[in-house]
Amino acid sequence: MAQSVKLADEVMALIRREADLQSRSVAGQITHWLKIGRAIERSGNYDHARIAAALEGKLDTTELHAEEEAAWLEAFTEKMSAPSDEEHSYHADRRRLGRGVGLDAGGNLVYARANVAP
């Protein structure tokens, strides 16, 4: 039975491009990548629990196999690009208190003025 799934526009663009290059349908390309991903996960060189541990800071990333490191990096990059509500709140508090809120291009700590709206 066919199912509908929502994918981000950038993911769909990547799928369409690769499908064209490989002379596959969009569904065929997605199925192909799913089979590859499943094979990698079952290969013995990929352990999702190890990746999760590395994302939680419980395992040093230098201990990951190449396939695990690639998956970790993708997940880490995605996680870092979308700050949580707690992170937004934390930085709003720092701005409100006039504390350091980041680094400038020279690596110097940047301070926010007190009572500046987020």
PDB file of N, CA and C in Angstrom:
ATOM      1  N   MET A   1       0.839  -1.173   0.000  1.00  0.00           N
ATOM      2  CA  MET A   1       0.000   0.000   0.000  1.00  0.00           C
ATOM      3  C   MET A   1       0.890   1.244   0.000  1.00  0.00           C
ATOM      4  N   ALA A   2       0.649   2.153  -0.905  1.00  0.00           N
ATOM      5  CA  ALA A   2       1.441   3.378  -1.025  1.00  0.00           C
ATOM      6  C   ALA A   2       1.136   4.313   0.144  1.00  0.00           C
ATOM      7  N   GLN A   3       2.170   5.042   0.567  1.00  0.00           N
ATOM      8  CA  GLN A   3       2.041   5.995   1.664  1.00  0.00           C
ATOM      9  C   GLN A   3       2.593   7.336   1.211  1.00  0.00           C
ATOM     10  N   SER A   4       2.075   8.410   1.755  1.00  0.00           N
ATOM     11  CA  SER A   4       2.598   9.742   1.491  1.00  0.00           C
ATOM     12  C   SER A   4       3.510  10.151   2.626  1.00  0.00           C
ATOM     13  N   VAL A   5       4.607  10.823   2.279  1.00  0.00           N
ATOM     14  CA  VAL A   5       5.565  11.302   3.267  1.00  0.00           C
ATOM     15  C   VAL A   5       5.956  12.718   2.878  1.00  0.00           C
ATOM     16  N   LYS A   6       6.026  13.604   3.864  1.00  0.00           N
ATOM     17  CA  LYS A   6       6.468  14.976   3.608  1.00  0.00           C
ATOM     18  C   LYS A   6       7.974  15.051   3.776  1.00  0.00           C
ATOM     19  N   LEU A   7       8.653  15.569   2.761  1.00  0.00           N
ATOM     20  CA  LEU A   7      10.097  15.781   2.816  1.00  0.00           C
ATOM     21  C   LEU A   7      10.381  17.246   2.537  1.00  0.00           C
ATOM     22  N   ALA A   8      11.446  17.757   3.138  1.00  0.00           N
ATOM     23  CA  ALA A   8      11.830  19.158   2.941  1.00  0.00           C
ATOM     24  C   ALA A   8      12.128  19.416   1.470  1.00  0.00           C
ATOM     25  N   ASP A   9      11.902  20.644   1.040  1.00  0.00           N
ATOM     26  CA  ASP A   9      12.133  21.023  -0.356  1.00  0.00           C
ATOM     27  C   ASP A   9      13.553  20.726  -0.806  1.00  0.00           C
ATOM     28  N   GLU A  10      14.535  21.015   0.076  1.00  0.00           N
ATOM     29  CA  GLU A  10      15.927  20.772  -0.320  1.00  0.00           C
ATOM     30  C   GLU A  10      16.222  19.285  -0.471  1.00  0.00           C
ATOM     31  N   VAL A  11      15.559  18.449   0.318  1.00  0.00           N
ATOM     32  CA  VAL A  11      15.724  16.996   0.187  1.00  0.00           C
ATOM     33  C   VAL A  11      15.114  16.540  -1.134  1.00  0.00           C
ATOM     34  N   MET A  12      13.932  17.042  -1.448  1.00  0.00           N
ATOM     35  CA  MET A  12      13.283  16.664  -2.698  1.00  0.00           C
ATOM     36  C   MET A  12      14.094  17.125  -3.911  1.00  0.00           C
ATOM     37  N   ALA A  13      14.693  18.294  -3.841  1.00  0.00           N
ATOM     38  CA  ALA A  13      15.528  18.769  -4.945  1.00  0.00           C
ATOM     39  C   ALA A  13      16.712  17.833  -5.149  1.00  0.00           C
ATOM     40  N   LEU A  14      17.322  17.405  -4.060  1.00  0.00           N
ATOM     41  CA  LEU A  14      18.445  16.478  -4.127  1.00  0.00           C
ATOM     42  C   LEU A  14      18.000  15.136  -4.715  1.00  0.00           C
ATOM     43  N   ILE A  15      16.859  14.645  -4.271  1.00  0.00           N
ATOM     44  CA  ILE A  15      16.331  13.378  -4.786  1.00  0.00           C
ATOM     45  C   ILE A  15      16.038  13.489  -6.274  1.00  0.00           C
ATOM     46  N   ARG A  16      15.382  14.559  -6.683  1.00  0.00           N
ATOM     47  CA  ARG A  16      15.056  14.730  -8.112  1.00  0.00           C
ATOM     48  C   ARG A  16      16.314  14.802  -8.969  1.00  0.00           C
ATOM     49  N   ARG A  17      17.302  15.541  -8.494  1.00  0.00           N
ATOM     50  CA  ARG A  17      18.554  15.673  -9.249  1.00  0.00           C
ATOM     51  C   ARG A  17      19.226  14.308  -9.417  1.00  0.00           C
ATOM     52  N   GLU A  18      19.329  13.568  -8.316  1.00  0.00           N
ATOM     53  CA  GLU A  18      19.981  12.260  -8.372  1.00  0.00           C
ATOM     54  C   GLU A  18      19.154  11.272  -9.195  1.00  0.00           C
ATOM     55  N   ALA A  19      17.838  11.342  -9.083  1.00  0.00           N
ATOM     56  CA  ALA A  19      16.970  10.467  -9.876  1.00  0.00           C
ATOM     57  C   ALA A  19      17.193  10.707 -11.366  1.00  0.00           C
ATOM     58  N   ASP A  20      17.295  11.978 -11.761  1.00  0.00           N
ATOM     59  CA  ASP A  20      17.571  12.300 -13.163  1.00  0.00           C
ATOM     60  C   ASP A  20      18.925  11.751 -13.604  1.00  0.00           C
ATOM     61  N   LEU A  21      19.939  11.947 -12.765  1.00  0.00           N
ATOM     62  CA  LEU A  21      21.285  11.479 -13.108  1.00  0.00           C
ATOM     63  C   LEU A  21      21.344   9.957 -13.240  1.00  0.00           C
ATOM     64  N   GLN A  22      20.560   9.254 -12.430  1.00  0.00           N
ATOM     65  CA  GLN A  22      20.600   7.788 -12.402  1.00  0.00           C
ATOM     66  C   GLN A  22      19.478   7.149 -13.228  1.00  0.00           C
ATOM     67  N   SER A  23      18.704   7.975 -13.932  1.00  0.00           N
ATOM     68  CA  SER A  23      17.577   7.491 -14.747  1.00  0.00           C
ATOM     69  C   SER A  23      16.593   6.662 -13.913  1.00  0.00           C
ATOM     70  N   ARG A  24      16.263   7.190 -12.746  1.00  0.00           N
ATOM     71  CA  ARG A  24      15.291   6.543 -11.867  1.00  0.00           C
ATOM     72  C   ARG A  24      14.120   7.496 -11.663  1.00  0.00           C
ATOM     73  N   SER A  25      12.995   6.937 -11.251  1.00  0.00           N
ATOM     74  CA  SER A  25      11.889   7.779 -10.819  1.00  0.00           C
ATOM     75  C   SER A  25      12.233   8.324  -9.436  1.00  0.00           C
ATOM     76  N   VAL A  26      11.488   9.315  -8.991  1.00  0.00           N
ATOM     77  CA  VAL A  26      11.709   9.854  -7.652  1.00  0.00           C
ATOM     78  C   VAL A  26      11.503   8.747  -6.622  1.00  0.00           C
ATOM     79  N   ALA A  27      10.419   7.990  -6.763  1.00  0.00           N
ATOM     80  CA  ALA A  27      10.154   6.884  -5.827  1.00  0.00           C
ATOM     81  C   ALA A  27      11.268   5.845  -5.901  1.00  0.00           C
ATOM     82  N   GLY A  28      11.752   5.571  -7.111  1.00  0.00           N
ATOM     83  CA  GLY A  28      12.840   4.614  -7.273  1.00  0.00           C
ATOM     84  C   GLY A  28      14.119   5.079  -6.597  1.00  0.00           C
ATOM     85  N   GLN A  29      14.402   6.388  -6.678  1.00  0.00           N
ATOM     86  CA  GLN A  29      15.602   6.935  -6.039  1.00  0.00           C
ATOM     87  C   GLN A  29      15.494   6.856  -4.523  1.00  0.00           C
ATOM     88  N   ILE A  30      14.337   7.210  -4.005  1.00  0.00           N
ATOM     89  CA  ILE A  30      14.131   7.130  -2.552  1.00  0.00           C
ATOM     90  C   ILE A  30      14.281   5.687  -2.086  1.00  0.00           C
ATOM     91  N   THR A  31      13.667   4.761  -2.801  1.00  0.00           N
ATOM     92  CA  THR A  31      13.771   3.338  -2.449  1.00  0.00           C
ATOM     93  C   THR A  31      15.227   2.879  -2.496  1.00  0.00           C
ATOM     94  N   HIS A  32      15.943   3.295  -3.523  1.00  0.00           N
ATOM     95  CA  HIS A  32      17.358   2.933  -3.663  1.00  0.00           C
ATOM     96  C   HIS A  32      18.157   3.425  -2.458  1.00  0.00           C
ATOM     97  N   TRP A  33      17.992   4.702  -2.094  1.00  0.00           N
ATOM     98  CA  TRP A  33      18.734   5.246  -0.956  1.00  0.00           C
ATOM     99  C   TRP A  33      18.319   4.581   0.352  1.00  0.00           C
ATOM    100  N   LEU A  34      17.048   4.239   0.489  1.00  0.00           N
ATOM    101  CA  LEU A  34      16.608   3.538   1.703  1.00  0.00           C
ATOM    102  C   LEU A  34      17.287   2.178   1.817  1.00  0.00           C
ATOM    103  N   LYS A  35      17.401   1.472   0.704  1.00  0.00           N
ATOM    104  CA  LYS A  35      18.061   0.166   0.725  1.00  0.00           C
ATOM    105  C   LYS A  35      19.542   0.304   1.078  1.00  0.00           C
ATOM    106  N   ILE A  36      20.190   1.336   0.528  1.00  0.00           N
ATOM    107  CA  ILE A  36      21.605   1.568   0.845  1.00  0.00           C
ATOM    108  C   ILE A  36      21.755   1.894   2.327  1.00  0.00           C
ATOM    109  N   GLY A  37      20.928   2.788   2.838  1.00  0.00           N
ATOM    110  CA  GLY A  37      20.999   3.157   4.252  1.00  0.00           C
ATOM    111  C   GLY A  37      20.768   1.962   5.160  1.00  0.00           C
ATOM    112  N   ARG A  38      19.822   1.143   4.814  1.00  0.00           N
ATOM    113  CA  ARG A  38      19.543  -0.053   5.618  1.00  0.00           C
ATOM    114  C   ARG A  38      20.727  -1.009   5.580  1.00  0.00           C
ATOM    115  N   ALA A  39      21.322  -1.184   4.402  1.00  0.00           N
ATOM    116  CA  ALA A  39      22.482  -2.070   4.283  1.00  0.00           C
ATOM    117  C   ALA A  39      23.653  -1.557   5.117  1.00  0.00           C
ATOM    118  N   ILE A  40      23.865  -0.246   5.105  1.00  0.00           N
ATOM    119  CA  ILE A  40      24.953   0.333   5.898  1.00  0.00           C
ATOM    120  C   ILE A  40      24.705   0.110   7.384  1.00  0.00           C
ATOM    121  N   GLU A  41      23.478   0.343   7.813  1.00  0.00           N
ATOM    122  CA  GLU A  41      23.158   0.158   9.230  1.00  0.00           C
ATOM    123  C   GLU A  41      23.357  -1.292   9.664  1.00  0.00           C
ATOM    124  N   ARG A  42      23.145  -2.223   8.772  1.00  0.00           N
ATOM    125  CA  ARG A  42      23.287  -3.643   9.101  1.00  0.00           C
ATOM    126  C   ARG A  42      24.691  -4.179   8.821  1.00  0.00           C
ATOM    127  N   SER A  43      25.573  -3.361   8.303  1.00  0.00           N
ATOM    128  CA  SER A  43      26.889  -3.824   7.853  1.00  0.00           C
ATOM    129  C   SER A  43      27.833  -4.218   8.983  1.00  0.00           C
ATOM    130  N   GLY A  44      27.548  -3.786  10.185  1.00  0.00           N
ATOM    131  CA  GLY A  44      28.463  -4.039  11.290  1.00  0.00           C
ATOM    132  C   GLY A  44      29.432  -2.896  11.505  1.00  0.00           C
ATOM    133  N   ASN A  45      29.538  -1.997  10.539  1.00  0.00           N
ATOM    134  CA  ASN A  45      30.396  -0.821  10.670  1.00  0.00           C
ATOM    135  C   ASN A  45      29.596   0.398  11.104  1.00  0.00           C
ATOM    136  N   TYR A  46      28.330   0.211  11.365  1.00  0.00           N
ATOM    137  CA  TYR A  46      27.438   1.313  11.692  1.00  0.00           C
ATOM    138  C   TYR A  46      26.599   0.892  12.884  1.00  0.00           C
ATOM    139  N   ASP A  47      26.679   1.627  13.951  1.00  0.00           N
ATOM    140  CA  ASP A  47      25.923   1.314  15.153  1.00  0.00           C
ATOM    141  C   ASP A  47      25.201   2.580  15.606  1.00  0.00           C
ATOM    142  N   HIS A  48      23.887   2.594  15.440  1.00  0.00           N
ATOM    143  CA  HIS A  48      23.109   3.794  15.771  1.00  0.00           C
ATOM    144  C   HIS A  48      23.268   4.183  17.235  1.00  0.00           C
ATOM    145  N   ALA A  49      23.390   3.216  18.117  1.00  0.00           N
ATOM    146  CA  ALA A  49      23.554   3.517  19.549  1.00  0.00           C
ATOM    147  C   ALA A  49      24.852   4.287  19.785  1.00  0.00           C
ATOM    148  N   ARG A  50      25.906   3.957  19.038  1.00  0.00           N
ATOM    149  CA  ARG A  50      27.184   4.678  19.171  1.00  0.00           C
ATOM    150  C   ARG A  50      27.039   6.120  18.668  1.00  0.00           C
ATOM    151  N   ILE A  51      26.296   6.300  17.588  1.00  0.00           N
ATOM    152  CA  ILE A  51      26.076   7.651  17.055  1.00  0.00           C
ATOM    153  C   ILE A  51      25.291   8.476  18.068  1.00  0.00           C
ATOM    154  N   ALA A  52      24.253   7.874  18.641  1.00  0.00           N
ATOM    155  CA  ALA A  52      23.458   8.577  19.652  1.00  0.00           C
ATOM    156  C   ALA A  52      24.329   8.943  20.848  1.00  0.00           C
ATOM    157  N   ALA A  53      25.198   8.022  21.259  1.00  0.00           N
ATOM    158  CA  ALA A  53      26.095   8.304  22.392  1.00  0.00           C
ATOM    159  C   ALA A  53      27.031   9.463  22.063  1.00  0.00           C
ATOM    160  N   ALA A  54      27.530   9.514  20.831  1.00  0.00           N
ATOM    161  CA  ALA A  54      28.413  10.615  20.428  1.00  0.00           C
ATOM    162  C   ALA A  54      27.650  11.937  20.403  1.00  0.00           C
ATOM    163  N   LEU A  55      26.405  11.915  19.943  1.00  0.00           N
ATOM    164  CA  LEU A  55      25.589  13.130  19.929  1.00  0.00           C
ATOM    165  C   LEU A  55      25.300  13.621  21.346  1.00  0.00           C
ATOM    166  N   GLU A  56      25.231  12.698  22.298  1.00  0.00           N
ATOM    167  CA  GLU A  56      24.981  13.054  23.696  1.00  0.00           C
ATOM    168  C   GLU A  56      26.265  13.402  24.431  1.00  0.00           C
ATOM    169  N   GLY A  57      27.415  13.284  23.758  1.00  0.00           N
ATOM    170  CA  GLY A  57      28.689  13.588  24.392  1.00  0.00           C
ATOM    171  C   GLY A  57      29.206  12.470  25.277  1.00  0.00           C
ATOM    172  N   LYS A  58      28.643  11.273  25.150  1.00  0.00           N
ATOM    173  CA  LYS A  58      29.052  10.140  25.973  1.00  0.00           C
ATOM    174  C   LYS A  58      30.107   9.279  25.284  1.00  0.00           C
ATOM    175  N   LEU A  59      30.368   9.538  24.009  1.00  0.00           N
ATOM    176  CA  LEU A  59      31.367   8.796  23.247  1.00  0.00           C
ATOM    177  C   LEU A  59      32.139   9.796  22.403  1.00  0.00           C
ATOM    178  N   ASP A  60      33.456   9.733  22.467  1.00  0.00           N
ATOM    179  CA  ASP A  60      34.295  10.624  21.674  1.00  0.00           C
ATOM    180  C   ASP A  60      34.115  10.282  20.199  1.00  0.00           C
ATOM    181  N   THR A  61      33.919  11.294  19.374  1.00  0.00           N
ATOM    182  CA  THR A  61      33.677  11.059  17.950  1.00  0.00           C
ATOM    183  C   THR A  61      34.862  10.399  17.252  1.00  0.00           C
ATOM    184  N   THR A  62      36.053  10.492  17.828  1.00  0.00           N
ATOM    185  CA  THR A  62      37.208   9.831  17.211  1.00  0.00           C
ATOM    186  C   THR A  62      37.090   8.314  17.290  1.00  0.00           C
ATOM    187  N   GLU A  63      36.165   7.813  18.102  1.00  0.00           N
ATOM    188  CA  GLU A  63      35.960   6.372  18.237  1.00  0.00           C
ATOM    189  C   GLU A  63      34.934   5.835  17.238  1.00  0.00           C
ATOM    190  N   LEU A  64      34.324   6.708  16.452  1.00  0.00           N
ATOM    191  CA  LEU A  64      33.323   6.282  15.471  1.00  0.00           C
ATOM    192  C   LEU A  64      33.994   5.742  14.207  1.00  0.00           C
ATOM    193  N   HIS A  65      33.362   4.736  13.575  1.00  0.00           N
ATOM    194  CA  HIS A  65      33.793   4.259  12.266  1.00  0.00           C
ATOM    195  C   HIS A  65      33.412   5.326  11.240  1.00  0.00           C
ATOM    196  N   ALA A  66      33.980   5.262  10.045  1.00  0.00           N
ATOM    197  CA  ALA A  66      33.745   6.274   9.010  1.00  0.00           C
ATOM    198  C   ALA A  66      32.255   6.458   8.722  1.00  0.00           C
ATOM    199  N   GLU A  67      31.520   5.351   8.586  1.00  0.00           N
ATOM    200  CA  GLU A  67      30.088   5.448   8.299  1.00  0.00           C
ATOM    201  C   GLU A  67      29.338   6.092   9.460  1.00  0.00           C
ATOM    202  N   GLU A  68      29.723   5.737  10.670  1.00  0.00           N
ATOM    203  CA  GLU A  68      29.097   6.321  11.850  1.00  0.00           C
ATOM    204  C   GLU A  68      29.416   7.807  11.948  1.00  0.00           C
ATOM    205  N   GLU A  69      30.665   8.160  11.660  1.00  0.00           N
ATOM    206  CA  GLU A  69      31.068   9.565  11.738  1.00  0.00           C
ATOM    207  C   GLU A  69      30.290  10.414  10.741  1.00  0.00           C
ATOM    208  N   ALA A  70      30.085   9.890   9.534  1.00  0.00           N
ATOM    209  CA  ALA A  70      29.321  10.635   8.524  1.00  0.00           C
ATOM    210  C   ALA A  70      27.892  10.862   8.996  1.00  0.00           C
ATOM    211  N   ALA A  71      27.274   9.835   9.579  1.00  0.00           N
ATOM    212  CA  ALA A  71      25.907   9.969  10.089  1.00  0.00           C
ATOM    213  C   ALA A  71      25.871  10.919  11.283  1.00  0.00           C
ATOM    214  N   TRP A  72      26.882  10.821  12.163  1.00  0.00           N
ATOM    215  CA  TRP A  72      26.953  11.711  13.319  1.00  0.00           C
ATOM    216  C   TRP A  72      27.073  13.163  12.859  1.00  0.00           C
ATOM    217  N   LEU A  73      27.959  13.419  11.898  1.00  0.00           N
ATOM    218  CA  LEU A  73      28.188  14.786  11.429  1.00  0.00           C
ATOM    219  C   LEU A  73      26.918  15.372  10.834  1.00  0.00           C
ATOM    220  N   GLU A  74      26.197  14.583  10.056  1.00  0.00           N
ATOM    221  CA  GLU A  74      24.952  15.073   9.477  1.00  0.00           C
ATOM    222  C   GLU A  74      23.934  15.403  10.572  1.00  0.00           C
ATOM    223  N   ALA A  75      23.786  14.506  11.539  1.00  0.00           N
ATOM    224  CA  ALA A  75      22.840  14.741  12.639  1.00  0.00           C
ATOM    225  C   ALA A  75      23.273  15.925  13.493  1.00  0.00           C
ATOM    226  N   PHE A  76      24.571  16.029  13.760  1.00  0.00           N
ATOM    227  CA  PHE A  76      25.096  17.133  14.573  1.00  0.00           C
ATOM    228  C   PHE A  76      24.861  18.471  13.872  1.00  0.00           C
ATOM    229  N   THR A  77      25.160  18.518  12.577  1.00  0.00           N
ATOM    230  CA  THR A  77      24.973  19.753  11.802  1.00  0.00           C
ATOM    231  C   THR A  77      23.511  20.170  11.804  1.00  0.00           C
ATOM    232  N   GLU A  78      22.626  19.207  11.620  1.00  0.00           N
ATOM    233  CA  GLU A  78      21.194  19.511  11.633  1.00  0.00           C
ATOM    234  C   GLU A  78      20.756  20.005  13.004  1.00  0.00           C
ATOM    235  N   LYS A  79      21.237  19.337  14.038  1.00  0.00           N
ATOM    236  CA  LYS A  79      20.879  19.713  15.412  1.00  0.00           C
ATOM    237  C   LYS A  79      21.382  21.129  15.739  1.00  0.00           C
ATOM    238  N   MET A  80      22.576  21.464  15.316  1.00  0.00           N
ATOM    239  CA  MET A  80      23.164  22.769  15.614  1.00  0.00           C
ATOM    240  C   MET A  80      22.515  23.898  14.812  1.00  0.00           C
ATOM    241  N   SER A  81      21.876  23.569  13.696  1.00  0.00           N
ATOM    242  CA  SER A  81      21.271  24.614  12.869  1.00  0.00           C
ATOM    243  C   SER A  81      19.881  25.012  13.363  1.00  0.00           C
ATOM    244  N   ALA A  82      19.352  24.291  14.341  1.00  0.00           N
ATOM    245  CA  ALA A  82      18.015  24.589  14.850  1.00  0.00           C
ATOM    246  C   ALA A  82      18.057  24.646  16.378  1.00  0.00           C
ATOM    247  N   PRO A  83      18.363  25.821  16.944  1.00  0.00           N
ATOM    248  CA  PRO A  83      18.433  25.940  18.404  1.00  0.00           C
ATOM    249  C   PRO A  83      17.101  25.593  19.070  1.00  0.00           C
ATOM    250  N   SER A  84      17.192  24.962  20.222  1.00  0.00           N
ATOM    251  CA  SER A  84      15.994  24.590  20.978  1.00  0.00           C
ATOM    252  C   SER A  84      15.397  25.822  21.661  1.00  0.00           C
ATOM    253  N   ASP A  85      14.206  25.663  22.191  1.00  0.00           N
ATOM    254  CA  ASP A  85      13.562  26.748  22.950  1.00  0.00           C
ATOM    255  C   ASP A  85      14.418  27.137  24.153  1.00  0.00           C
ATOM    256  N   GLU A  86      15.024  26.120  24.808  1.00  0.00           N
ATOM    257  CA  GLU A  86      15.883  26.399  25.957  1.00  0.00           C
ATOM    258  C   GLU A  86      17.095  27.239  25.558  1.00  0.00           C
ATOM    259  N   GLU A  87      17.667  26.934  24.388  1.00  0.00           N
ATOM    260  CA  GLU A  87      18.821  27.704  23.923  1.00  0.00           C
ATOM    261  C   GLU A  87      18.421  29.140  23.587  1.00  0.00           C
ATOM    262  N   HIS A  88      17.275  29.312  22.940  1.00  0.00           N
ATOM    263  CA  HIS A  88      16.785  30.671  22.654  1.00  0.00           C
ATOM    264  C   HIS A  88      16.592  31.443  23.964  1.00  0.00           C
ATOM    265  N   SER A  89      15.992  30.795  24.948  1.00  0.00           N
ATOM    266  CA  SER A  89      15.748  31.425  26.245  1.00  0.00           C
ATOM    267  C   SER A  89      17.064  31.771  26.940  1.00  0.00           C
ATOM    268  N   TYR A  90      18.008  30.843  26.921  1.00  0.00           N
ATOM    269  CA  TYR A  90      19.315  31.056  27.544  1.00  0.00           C
ATOM    270  C   TYR A  90      20.008  32.282  26.946  1.00  0.00           C
ATOM    271  N   HIS A  91      20.024  32.373  25.624  1.00  0.00           N
ATOM    272  CA  HIS A  91      20.704  33.493  24.983  1.00  0.00           C
ATOM    273  C   HIS A  91      19.930  34.804  25.151  1.00  0.00           C
ATOM    274  N   ALA A  92      18.615  34.720  25.218  1.00  0.00           N
ATOM    275  CA  ALA A  92      17.812  35.930  25.488  1.00  0.00           C
ATOM    276  C   ALA A  92      18.141  36.465  26.870  1.00  0.00           C
ATOM    277  N   ASP A  93      18.286  35.563  27.849  1.00  0.00           N
ATOM    278  CA  ASP A  93      18.656  35.983  29.206  1.00  0.00           C
ATOM    279  C   ASP A  93      20.044  36.623  29.206  1.00  0.00           C
ATOM    280  N   ARG A  94      20.979  36.037  28.483  1.00  0.00           N
ATOM    281  CA  ARG A  94      22.345  36.597  28.422  1.00  0.00           C
ATOM    282  C   ARG A  94      22.323  37.999  27.801  1.00  0.00           C
ATOM    283  N   ARG A  95      21.531  38.172  26.734  1.00  0.00           N
ATOM    284  CA  ARG A  95      21.426  39.500  26.118  1.00  0.00           C
ATOM    285  C   ARG A  95      20.827  40.492  27.094  1.00  0.00           C
ATOM    286  N   ARG A  96      19.762  40.065  27.790  1.00  0.00           N
ATOM    287  CA  ARG A  96      19.075  40.947  28.734  1.00  0.00           C
ATOM    288  C   ARG A  96      20.014  41.376  29.858  1.00  0.00           C
ATOM    289  N   LEU A  97      20.895  40.481  30.288  1.00  0.00           N
ATOM    290  CA  LEU A  97      21.824  40.770  31.378  1.00  0.00           C
ATOM    291  C   LEU A  97      23.123  41.432  30.904  1.00  0.00           C
ATOM    292  N   GLY A  98      23.264  41.620  29.588  1.00  0.00           N
ATOM    293  CA  GLY A  98      24.462  42.265  29.053  1.00  0.00           C
ATOM    294  C   GLY A  98      25.694  41.370  29.085  1.00  0.00           C
ATOM    295  N   ARG A  99      25.499  40.068  29.085  1.00  0.00           N
ATOM    296  CA  ARG A  99      26.622  39.128  29.112  1.00  0.00           C
ATOM    297  C   ARG A  99      27.063  38.790  27.694  1.00  0.00           C
ATOM    298  N   GLY A 100      28.186  38.099  27.603  1.00  0.00           N
ATOM    299  CA  GLY A 100      28.694  37.682  26.298  1.00  0.00           C
ATOM    300  C   GLY A 100      27.681  36.833  25.566  1.00  0.00           C
ATOM    301  N   VAL A 101      27.501  37.127  24.286  1.00  0.00           N
ATOM    302  CA  VAL A 101      26.495  36.413  23.496  1.00  0.00           C
ATOM    303  C   VAL A 101      27.078  35.745  22.254  1.00  0.00           C
ATOM    304  N   GLY A 102      28.374  35.847  22.038  1.00  0.00           N
ATOM    305  CA  GLY A 102      28.977  35.239  20.860  1.00  0.00           C
ATOM    306  C   GLY A 102      30.376  35.756  20.631  1.00  0.00           C
ATOM    307  N   LEU A 103      30.931  35.384  19.490  1.00  0.00           N
ATOM    308  CA  LEU A 103      32.268  35.817  19.110  1.00  0.00           C
ATOM    309  C   LEU A 103      32.204  36.624  17.828  1.00  0.00           C
ATOM    310  N   ASP A 104      33.079  37.621  17.719  1.00  0.00           N
ATOM    311  CA  ASP A 104      33.166  38.366  16.474  1.00  0.00           C
ATOM    312  C   ASP A 104      34.132  37.630  15.531  1.00  0.00           C
ATOM    313  N   ALA A 105      34.372  38.185  14.350  1.00  0.00           N
ATOM    314  CA  ALA A 105      35.225  37.547  13.345  1.00  0.00           C
ATOM    315  C   ALA A 105      36.644  37.334  13.851  1.00  0.00           C
ATOM    316  N   GLY A 106      37.079  38.159  14.802  1.00  0.00           N
ATOM    317  CA  GLY A 106      38.425  38.034  15.360  1.00  0.00           C
ATOM    318  C   GLY A 106      38.504  37.093  16.546  1.00  0.00           C
ATOM    319  N   GLY A 107      37.373  36.474  16.915  1.00  0.00           N
ATOM    320  CA  GLY A 107      37.360  35.547  18.037  1.00  0.00           C
ATOM    321  C   GLY A 107      37.176  36.215  19.388  1.00  0.00           C
ATOM    322  N   ASN A 108      36.835  37.509  19.384  1.00  0.00           N
ATOM    323  CA  ASN A 108      36.625  38.244  20.631  1.00  0.00           C
ATOM    324  C   ASN A 108      35.182  38.102  21.099  1.00  0.00           C
ATOM    325  N   LEU A 109      34.985  38.029  22.398  1.00  0.00           N
ATOM    326  CA  LEU A 109      33.656  37.906  22.979  1.00  0.00           C
ATOM    327  C   LEU A 109      32.845  39.170  22.699  1.00  0.00           C
ATOM    328  N   VAL A 110      31.632  38.993  22.236  1.00  0.00           N
ATOM    329  CA  VAL A 110      30.715  40.101  21.944  1.00  0.00           C
ATOM    330  C   VAL A 110      29.692  40.154  23.071  1.00  0.00           C
ATOM    331  N   TYR A 111      29.471  41.370  23.585  1.00  0.00           N
ATOM    332  CA  TYR A 111      28.513  41.566  24.664  1.00  0.00           C
ATOM    333  C   TYR A 111      27.280  42.274  24.128  1.00  0.00           C
ATOM    334  N   ALA A 112      26.121  41.958  24.686  1.00  0.00           N
ATOM    335  CA  ALA A 112      24.894  42.651  24.323  1.00  0.00           C
ATOM    336  C   ALA A 112      24.645  43.751  25.328  1.00  0.00           C
ATOM    337  N   ARG A 113      23.985  44.801  24.887  1.00  0.00           N
ATOM    338  CA  ARG A 113      23.592  45.852  25.819  1.00  0.00           C
ATOM    339  C   ARG A 113      22.421  45.359  26.650  1.00  0.00           C
ATOM    340  N   ALA A 114      22.357  45.792  27.883  1.00  0.00           N
ATOM    341  CA  ALA A 114      21.245  45.413  28.779  1.00  0.00           C
ATOM    342  C   ALA A 114      19.921  45.880  28.209  1.00  0.00           C
ATOM    343  N   ASN A 115      18.884  45.130  28.470  1.00  0.00           N
ATOM    344  CA  ASN A 115      17.516  45.450  28.054  1.00  0.00           C
ATOM    345  C   ASN A 115      17.336  45.513  26.552  1.00  0.00           C
ATOM    346  N   VAL A 116      18.131  44.762  25.808  1.00  0.00           N
ATOM    347  CA  VAL A 116      17.961  44.700  24.350  1.00  0.00           C
ATOM    348  C   VAL A 116      17.044  43.526  24.056  1.00  0.00           C
ATOM    349  N   ALA A 117      16.007  43.767  23.276  1.00  0.00           N
ATOM    350  CA  ALA A 117      15.060  42.702  22.957  1.00  0.00           C
ATOM    351  C   ALA A 117      15.755  41.632  22.112  1.00  0.00           C
ATOM    352  N   PRO A 118      15.376  40.362  22.272  1.00  0.00           N
ATOM    353  CA  PRO A 118      15.984  39.270  21.508  1.00  0.00           C
ATOM    354  C   PRO A 118      15.692  39.352  20.035  1.00  0.00           C
TER     355      PRO A 118
END
